């Protein structure tokens, strides 16, 4: 059996499982489909030959161990991915395989040609000349985020089990729920997992190595109006919808996702709904710099306080909660885990691509739990929507990076 023989079939099988998470749920995992998929993974990992395979009753993570075949102790390395997909149609995923892509042509996703992957709109397609691409059929997302990572980790473990001549220390794997709704790692049990260093395999294109993420917070606002008949509204009516609009207008108008890049932070309004009587809005706040992040939160609090002062009563109510922090604060204290991944990539003639993530990973939270966890590429592009795709060759290279890290750790 070749190293990659099971990789693509495994990935195709995984993406056909509907595992979307639900931010409105109160269960862990948030959806029953994730529970069912986790059980299937447990059975698969046992069949492959891993030990201590279990589902954490606290976090819903699938944990498993590949025991060391060394006669001495080395660091225990962990690899983590997530099994849920984002909030886009994920029912009846129908992957399409485009072999030997020429790097120039449009790829029709649906038979009518309504949805097209075009290098004009998605220039990264030009990087994949000669590759086998897996795309959607235009009606769903693909789920490469992060079922590519799941498939790569498990394929690497399967290869190590079948090739005991490859020396390795103890390896821990964790496959978790609810990453896409930001709660997956909240109950991650570092002690139960057992690794000394770890990596999430949840990045994008070839070479991505990320150890700097956003600091993140979420704000839910309620605007309390006073609804009376418009004929007699003067001096009496308070329109909650207009309050929501006024709040948004007082935020720095250029500091939004569509006008920022790199390490520039932003305020992002996600949702607005309501009536004259009561309206609601939701925001996320992001910044790589902790001081600027705290200042952004204060701006929102100050706007709410000022509006209430002007209204003469409390009509703007804000629930502001931190979500995760920039993992760089933890990892830069000891860059060993990053240097190890860089060395693995360079050994494989892969150029590491290191830049600040305009987002976060489960590793953002896990690093602050005491387990340094940067992020490795898994191959997906255009995540979370119908234009998502992944290269088979890049997935194979991601699998190789996992194996090379294992080999380097074994050399201590």
Protein backbone atom coordinates (compact mmCIF):
# COMPACT_ATOMS: atom_id res chain seq x y z
CA UNK A 1 0.00 0.00 0.00
CA UNK A 2 1.35 3.41 -0.95
CA UNK A 3 1.65 6.14 1.63
CA UNK A 4 -1.30 8.07 0.24
CA UNK A 5 -3.56 5.30 -1.06
CA UNK A 6 -6.22 5.82 1.58
CA UNK A 7 -5.95 9.61 1.83
CA UNK A 8 -8.29 10.74 -0.94
CA UNK A 9 -10.95 8.02 -0.40
CA UNK A 10 -10.89 8.81 3.32
CA UNK A 11 -11.32 12.52 2.68
CA UNK A 12 -14.19 11.95 0.23
CA UNK A 13 -15.91 9.70 2.75
CA UNK A 14 -15.53 12.29 5.50
CA UNK A 15 -16.85 15.28 3.57
CA UNK A 16 -20.02 13.38 2.67
CA UNK A 17 -20.87 13.30 6.39
CA UNK A 18 -23.01 16.30 7.39
CA UNK A 19 -21.39 17.74 10.53
CA UNK A 20 -22.28 21.42 10.63
CA UNK A 21 -22.11 22.96 14.11
CA UNK A 22 -24.83 25.16 15.60
CA UNK A 23 -24.01 28.27 17.64
CA UNK A 24 -27.53 28.35 19.11
CA UNK A 25 -27.22 24.90 20.63
CA UNK A 26 -26.38 24.34 24.30
CA UNK A 27 -25.08 20.77 23.94
CA UNK A 28 -21.49 19.55 23.57
CA UNK A 29 -21.04 18.78 20.70
CA UNK A 30 -23.61 21.23 19.40
CA UNK A 31 -25.20 18.85 16.86
CA UNK A 32 -26.02 15.12 16.88
CA UNK A 33 -24.37 14.59 13.50
CA UNK A 34 -21.03 15.49 15.04
CA UNK A 35 -21.60 12.88 17.74
CA UNK A 36 -22.31 10.21 15.13
CA UNK A 37 -19.24 11.10 13.09
CA UNK A 38 -17.09 11.05 16.23
CA UNK A 39 -18.29 7.51 16.95
CA UNK A 40 -17.38 6.47 13.41
CA UNK A 41 -13.91 7.92 13.85
CA UNK A 42 -13.47 6.01 17.10
CA UNK A 43 -14.26 2.75 15.30
CA UNK A 44 -11.85 3.63 12.48
CA UNK A 45 -9.00 4.56 14.82
CA UNK A 46 -9.40 1.31 16.74
CA UNK A 47 -9.39 -0.64 13.49
CA UNK A 48 -6.20 1.10 12.38
CA UNK A 49 -4.54 0.02 15.62
CA UNK A 50 -4.33 3.10 17.82
CA UNK A 51 -4.59 2.80 21.60
CA UNK A 52 -6.68 4.48 24.26
CA UNK A 53 -9.26 5.60 21.71
CA UNK A 54 -12.10 7.43 23.43
CA UNK A 55 -14.50 10.34 23.27
CA UNK A 56 -13.95 12.85 26.05
CA UNK A 57 -17.22 13.17 28.00
CA UNK A 58 -16.30 16.76 28.85
CA UNK A 59 -15.24 18.20 25.48
CA UNK A 60 -16.58 15.77 22.90
CA UNK A 61 -13.08 15.37 21.43
CA UNK A 62 -12.01 12.07 19.96
CA UNK A 63 -8.66 11.25 21.57
CA UNK A 64 -6.28 8.44 20.61
CA UNK A 65 -2.66 7.43 21.15
CA UNK A 66 -0.01 5.83 18.99
CA UNK A 67 2.46 4.32 21.42
CA UNK A 68 6.17 4.97 21.13
CA UNK A 69 8.43 2.38 19.53
CA UNK A 70 11.58 3.98 20.94
CA UNK A 71 13.67 2.67 23.83
CA UNK A 72 14.01 6.16 25.32
CA UNK A 73 11.71 9.05 26.16
CA UNK A 74 11.13 12.01 23.86
CA UNK A 75 8.50 14.72 23.80
CA UNK A 76 4.96 13.57 23.17
CA UNK A 77 3.66 15.40 20.11
CA UNK A 78 -0.02 15.95 19.41
CA UNK A 79 -1.95 16.66 16.22
CA UNK A 80 -5.39 18.26 16.41
CA UNK A 81 -8.14 18.90 13.87
CA UNK A 82 -11.87 19.52 13.95
CA UNK A 83 -14.75 17.55 12.51
CA UNK A 84 -17.43 20.25 12.22
CA UNK A 85 -18.06 22.46 9.21
CA UNK A 86 -19.13 26.07 8.91
CA UNK A 87 -22.58 27.60 8.68
CA UNK A 88 -23.19 26.98 4.99
CA UNK A 89 -25.21 24.23 3.35
CA UNK A 90 -23.41 20.95 4.10
CA UNK A 91 -26.16 18.47 3.25
CA UNK A 92 -25.52 16.03 0.38
CA UNK A 93 -21.98 17.18 -0.30
CA UNK A 94 -21.07 15.91 -3.76
CA UNK A 95 -17.30 16.30 -4.30
CA UNK A 96 -16.00 16.62 -7.83
CA UNK A 97 -12.51 15.55 -8.84
CA UNK A 98 -10.68 17.58 -11.45
CA UNK A 99 -7.57 15.73 -12.55
CA UNK A 100 -4.46 17.40 -13.99
CA UNK A 101 -5.88 20.91 -13.75
CA UNK A 102 -4.18 23.22 -16.25
CA UNK A 103 -4.01 26.25 -13.93
CA UNK A 104 -5.83 28.48 -16.40
CA UNK A 105 -9.30 27.18 -17.20
CA UNK A 106 -12.56 27.91 -15.46
CA UNK A 107 -14.00 24.99 -13.52
CA UNK A 108 -17.76 24.64 -13.78
CA UNK A 109 -19.12 23.46 -10.46
CA UNK A 110 -22.73 22.86 -11.52
CA UNK A 111 -23.99 21.56 -14.84
CA UNK A 112 -25.65 24.87 -15.71
CA UNK A 113 -22.46 26.83 -15.16
CA UNK A 114 -24.08 29.15 -12.63
CA UNK A 115 -21.17 28.69 -10.23
CA UNK A 116 -17.66 28.76 -11.66
CA UNK A 117 -14.21 28.54 -10.12
CA UNK A 118 -12.26 30.98 -12.25
CA UNK A 119 -8.60 32.05 -11.96
CA UNK A 120 -9.80 35.57 -12.76
CA UNK A 121 -11.76 35.66 -9.51
CA UNK A 122 -9.63 33.18 -7.54
CA UNK A 123 -6.03 33.72 -8.75
CA UNK A 124 -4.62 31.09 -6.39
CA UNK A 125 -5.95 28.48 -8.83
CA UNK A 126 -2.92 29.30 -10.97
CA UNK A 127 -0.74 27.64 -8.30
CA UNK A 128 -2.30 24.25 -9.00
CA UNK A 129 -1.24 23.44 -12.53
CA UNK A 130 -0.97 19.67 -12.83
CA UNK A 131 -2.77 19.05 -9.54
CA UNK A 132 -5.84 16.98 -8.83
CA UNK A 133 -8.41 19.33 -7.31
CA UNK A 134 -11.43 18.35 -5.27
CA UNK A 135 -14.26 20.88 -5.56
CA UNK A 136 -17.93 21.17 -4.67
CA UNK A 137 -20.86 20.87 -7.09
CA UNK A 138 -21.84 24.46 -6.30
CA UNK A 139 -24.69 23.63 -3.91
CA UNK A 140 -22.71 23.05 -0.71
CA UNK A 141 -19.39 23.76 0.92
CA UNK A 142 -16.74 21.05 0.60
CA UNK A 143 -15.63 20.60 4.19
CA UNK A 144 -11.87 20.66 3.57
CA UNK A 145 -11.97 22.92 6.63
CA UNK A 146 -11.13 20.76 8.42
CA UNK A 147 -11.81 17.27 7.16
CA UNK A 148 -8.64 17.55 5.11
CA UNK A 149 -6.79 17.88 8.41
CA UNK A 150 -8.67 14.94 9.91
CA UNK A 151 -7.86 12.77 6.90
CA UNK A 152 -4.20 13.80 6.87
CA UNK A 153 -3.64 13.07 10.55
CA UNK A 154 -5.36 9.69 10.44
CA UNK A 155 -3.60 8.70 7.22
CA UNK A 156 -0.24 9.58 8.78
CA UNK A 157 -1.04 7.49 11.85
CA UNK A 158 -2.15 4.57 9.67
CA UNK A 159 1.14 4.75 7.77
CA UNK A 160 3.16 4.70 10.99
CA UNK A 161 1.23 1.69 12.28
CA UNK A 162 1.90 -0.16 9.02
CA UNK A 163 5.60 0.82 9.00
CA UNK A 164 6.99 0.06 12.47
CA UNK A 165 10.51 0.53 11.10
CA UNK A 166 9.86 4.29 11.31
CA UNK A 167 10.93 5.31 14.78
CA UNK A 168 8.62 7.64 16.70
CA UNK A 169 7.76 8.70 20.18
CA UNK A 170 4.28 8.66 21.64
CA UNK A 171 1.81 10.56 19.47
CA UNK A 172 -1.53 11.94 20.61
CA UNK A 173 -4.32 12.90 18.26
CA UNK A 174 -7.40 14.95 19.00
CA UNK A 175 -10.35 15.52 16.68
CA UNK A 176 -12.80 18.01 18.12
CA UNK A 177 -16.26 19.45 17.57
CA UNK A 178 -17.57 23.01 17.26
CA UNK A 179 -14.44 24.81 16.14
CA UNK A 180 -16.44 26.80 13.62
CA UNK A 181 -18.64 28.32 16.34
CA UNK A 182 -15.66 29.14 18.54
CA UNK A 183 -16.50 26.85 21.46
CA UNK A 184 -14.77 23.60 20.49
CA UNK A 185 -11.66 24.04 22.63
CA UNK A 186 -13.41 25.60 25.63
CA UNK A 187 -13.41 22.28 27.48
CA UNK A 188 -10.29 20.74 25.93
CA UNK A 189 -8.51 18.67 28.60
CA UNK A 190 -4.77 19.19 28.14
CA UNK A 191 -3.92 16.64 30.84
CA UNK A 192 -6.15 13.98 29.34
CA UNK A 193 -4.71 14.67 25.88
CA UNK A 194 -1.22 14.11 27.22
CA UNK A 195 0.99 15.86 24.66
CA UNK A 196 3.97 18.09 25.45
CA UNK A 197 3.70 20.07 22.21
CA UNK A 198 0.97 20.06 19.61
CA UNK A 199 -0.18 21.34 16.24
CA UNK A 200 -3.57 22.03 14.80
CA UNK A 201 -3.72 20.85 11.19
CA UNK A 202 -6.29 23.42 10.14
CA UNK A 203 -4.55 25.89 7.86
CA UNK A 204 -4.92 26.74 4.20
CA UNK A 205 -2.50 26.51 1.26
CA UNK A 206 0.88 24.81 1.08
CA UNK A 207 3.44 25.94 3.62
CA UNK A 208 1.21 27.87 6.00
CA UNK A 209 2.64 27.87 9.52
CA UNK A 210 0.79 30.13 11.89
CA UNK A 211 1.53 31.03 15.47
CA UNK A 212 0.04 34.53 15.60
CA UNK A 213 -3.73 34.95 15.66
CA UNK A 214 -6.24 37.65 16.44
CA UNK A 215 -7.40 38.53 19.91
CA UNK A 216 -11.15 38.11 19.66
CA UNK A 217 -14.31 39.25 21.39
CA UNK A 218 -18.02 39.16 20.59
CA UNK A 219 -20.64 41.77 21.44
CA UNK A 220 -24.40 41.31 21.53
CA UNK A 221 -26.38 44.52 21.78
CA UNK A 222 -30.01 45.07 22.67
CA UNK A 223 -31.61 48.41 21.85
CA UNK A 224 -34.75 49.18 23.84
CA UNK A 225 -37.19 51.42 22.05
CA UNK A 226 -40.63 52.85 22.77
CA UNK A 227 -43.26 52.10 20.15
CA UNK A 228 -46.26 54.39 19.85
CA UNK A 229 -48.52 55.27 16.95
CA UNK A 230 -46.53 57.38 14.45
CA UNK A 231 -49.33 59.94 14.33
CA UNK A 232 -48.57 60.95 17.92
CA UNK A 233 -44.93 59.93 18.07
CA UNK A 234 -43.26 63.30 18.38
CA UNK A 235 -41.26 63.54 21.58
CA UNK A 236 -42.43 60.10 22.67
CA UNK A 237 -41.30 57.40 20.24
CA UNK A 238 -37.83 55.89 20.55
CA UNK A 239 -37.05 53.83 17.46
CA UNK A 240 -34.83 50.90 18.45
CA UNK A 241 -33.84 50.25 14.83
CA UNK A 242 -32.51 53.79 14.55
CA UNK A 243 -30.59 53.31 17.80
CA UNK A 244 -28.89 50.25 16.30
CA UNK A 245 -28.01 52.27 13.20
CA UNK A 246 -26.71 55.14 15.31
CA UNK A 247 -24.49 52.82 17.33
CA UNK A 248 -22.94 51.41 14.17
CA UNK A 249 -22.45 54.89 12.71
CA UNK A 250 -20.43 55.96 15.75
CA UNK A 251 -17.87 53.19 15.26
CA UNK A 252 -14.71 54.00 13.25
CA UNK A 253 -16.11 53.56 9.76
CA UNK A 254 -12.97 52.40 7.99
CA UNK A 255 -12.07 49.76 10.57
CA UNK A 256 -14.08 46.92 9.06
CA UNK A 257 -12.96 43.62 7.47
CA UNK A 258 -13.52 44.79 3.92
CA UNK A 259 -11.12 47.72 4.39
CA UNK A 260 -8.36 46.18 6.51
CA UNK A 261 -5.55 43.67 6.07
CA UNK A 262 -2.43 42.27 7.73
CA UNK A 263 -2.27 43.23 11.39
CA UNK A 264 -5.04 45.82 11.10
CA UNK A 265 -7.89 45.10 13.46
CA UNK A 266 -11.58 45.72 12.91
CA UNK A 267 -15.17 45.84 14.15
CA UNK A 268 -17.46 43.55 12.17
CA UNK A 269 -21.26 43.72 12.34
CA UNK A 270 -22.65 40.24 11.76
CA UNK A 271 -26.37 40.61 12.24
CA UNK A 272 -29.11 43.17 12.79
CA UNK A 273 -32.78 42.54 13.44
CA UNK A 274 -35.64 44.11 15.30
CA UNK A 275 -38.61 46.40 15.42
CA UNK A 276 -39.27 49.91 16.64
CA UNK A 277 -39.83 48.45 20.09
CA UNK A 278 -36.63 46.39 20.33
CA UNK A 279 -33.67 45.72 18.06
CA UNK A 280 -30.56 43.56 18.27
CA UNK A 281 -27.14 43.54 16.66
CA UNK A 282 -24.10 41.31 16.91
CA UNK A 283 -20.47 42.25 16.40
CA UNK A 284 -17.07 40.64 16.55
CA UNK A 285 -13.99 42.64 17.54
CA UNK A 286 -10.54 41.61 16.32
CA UNK A 287 -6.96 42.83 16.74
CA UNK A 288 -3.55 41.15 16.91
CA UNK A 289 -2.26 43.66 19.47
CA UNK A 290 -3.67 43.05 22.96
CA UNK A 291 -3.60 46.74 23.96
CA UNK A 292 -5.38 47.79 20.77
CA UNK A 293 -7.85 44.95 21.28
CA UNK A 294 -8.72 46.19 24.76
CA UNK A 295 -9.03 49.73 23.37
CA UNK A 296 -11.50 48.52 20.73
CA UNK A 297 -13.68 46.95 23.38
CA UNK A 298 -13.56 50.19 25.35
CA UNK A 299 -14.69 52.16 22.29
CA UNK A 300 -17.84 50.05 22.09
CA UNK A 301 -18.49 50.40 25.80
CA UNK A 302 -18.00 54.16 25.61
CA UNK A 303 -20.43 54.50 22.70
CA UNK A 304 -23.08 52.57 24.61
CA UNK A 305 -22.53 54.69 27.73
CA UNK A 306 -22.65 57.95 25.76
CA UNK A 307 -25.86 57.00 23.97
CA UNK A 308 -27.52 56.07 27.26
CA UNK A 309 -26.40 59.39 28.73
CA UNK A 310 -27.89 61.28 25.78
CA UNK A 311 -31.13 59.29 25.97
CA UNK A 312 -31.43 59.94 29.69
CA UNK A 313 -31.97 56.27 30.45
CA UNK A 314 -30.44 52.87 29.70
CA UNK A 315 -31.67 51.88 26.27
CA UNK A 316 -28.44 50.36 24.93
CA UNK A 317 -27.49 47.11 26.66
CA UNK A 318 -24.30 45.32 25.64
CA UNK A 319 -23.07 41.82 26.46
CA UNK A 320 -19.34 41.79 25.63
CA UNK A 321 -17.32 38.59 25.96
CA UNK A 322 -13.75 37.62 25.05
CA UNK A 323 -13.48 34.61 22.74
CA UNK A 324 -9.76 33.86 22.40
CA UNK A 325 -6.36 35.54 22.50
CA UNK A 326 -3.29 35.77 20.28
CA UNK A 327 -1.36 32.53 20.80
CA UNK A 328 1.88 34.35 20.04
CA UNK A 329 1.92 35.60 23.65
CA UNK A 330 2.49 32.00 24.73
CA UNK A 331 4.49 30.53 21.86
CA UNK A 332 7.10 33.29 21.51
CA UNK A 333 8.37 32.40 24.99
CA UNK A 334 9.72 29.16 23.52
CA UNK A 335 9.77 28.90 19.72
CA UNK A 336 10.82 25.24 19.70
CA UNK A 337 7.45 24.04 18.44
CA UNK A 338 7.55 26.52 15.54
CA UNK A 339 11.18 25.81 14.70
CA UNK A 340 10.40 22.10 14.58
CA UNK A 341 7.61 22.61 12.03
CA UNK A 342 9.81 24.94 9.96
CA UNK A 343 12.56 22.35 9.89
CA UNK A 344 10.10 19.63 8.85
CA UNK A 345 8.85 21.71 5.94
CA UNK A 346 12.32 22.72 4.81
CA UNK A 347 13.42 19.07 4.94
CA UNK A 348 10.62 18.39 2.45
CA UNK A 349 11.50 21.37 0.21
CA UNK A 350 8.37 23.23 1.34
CA UNK A 351 8.85 26.93 1.98
CA UNK A 352 7.25 27.89 5.31
CA UNK A 353 4.76 30.71 4.90
CA UNK A 354 4.50 32.51 8.23
CA UNK A 355 2.15 35.44 8.71
CA UNK A 356 -0.39 36.67 11.28
CA UNK A 357 -3.68 34.84 10.91
CA UNK A 358 -6.69 37.08 10.45
CA UNK A 359 -8.70 34.65 12.51
CA UNK A 360 -8.14 32.06 15.18
CA UNK A 361 -7.78 28.32 15.65
CA UNK A 362 -8.48 25.93 18.49
CA UNK A 363 -4.77 26.32 19.16
CA UNK A 364 -5.42 29.92 20.22
CA UNK A 365 -7.22 28.63 23.31
CA UNK A 366 -5.22 25.45 23.82
CA UNK A 367 -1.93 27.40 23.86
CA UNK A 368 -3.24 29.48 26.77
CA UNK A 369 -4.13 26.22 28.55
CA UNK A 370 -0.42 25.43 28.68
CA UNK A 371 0.05 23.41 25.49
CA UNK A 372 1.82 25.42 22.73
CA UNK A 373 -0.18 24.70 19.57
CA UNK A 374 0.62 26.52 16.32
CA UNK A 375 -1.26 25.77 13.10
CA UNK A 376 -0.10 23.78 10.06
CA UNK A 377 -1.47 23.92 6.53
CA UNK A 378 -4.13 21.37 5.56
CA UNK A 379 -4.60 22.51 1.96
CA UNK A 380 -8.08 24.01 1.70
CA UNK A 381 -8.86 27.21 -0.19
CA UNK A 382 -12.00 29.40 -0.27
CA UNK A 383 -13.26 27.83 2.95
CA UNK A 384 -16.81 27.98 4.24
CA UNK A 385 -18.67 28.29 0.96
CA UNK A 386 -19.51 26.77 -2.41
CA UNK A 387 -16.18 27.77 -4.00
CA UNK A 388 -14.11 25.71 -1.57
CA UNK A 389 -11.52 23.37 -3.04
CA UNK A 390 -8.41 21.44 -2.06
CA UNK A 391 -5.47 19.88 -3.89
CA UNK A 392 -4.80 16.19 -3.45
CA UNK A 393 -1.08 16.82 -3.81
CA UNK A 394 -1.07 19.45 -1.07
CA UNK A 395 -2.97 17.10 1.23
CA UNK A 396 -0.24 14.53 0.58
CA UNK A 397 2.41 17.10 1.44
CA UNK A 398 0.57 17.97 4.66
CA UNK A 399 0.63 14.29 5.56
CA UNK A 400 4.37 14.24 4.89
CA UNK A 401 4.91 17.23 7.18
CA UNK A 402 3.12 15.41 10.01
CA UNK A 403 5.34 12.38 9.49
CA UNK A 404 8.50 14.48 9.30
CA UNK A 405 7.68 16.28 12.55
CA UNK A 406 7.24 12.88 14.17
CA UNK A 407 10.64 11.76 12.87
CA UNK A 408 12.36 14.94 14.10
CA UNK A 409 10.82 14.57 17.55
CA UNK A 410 12.09 10.98 17.66
CA UNK A 411 15.59 12.35 17.08
CA UNK A 412 14.99 14.60 20.11
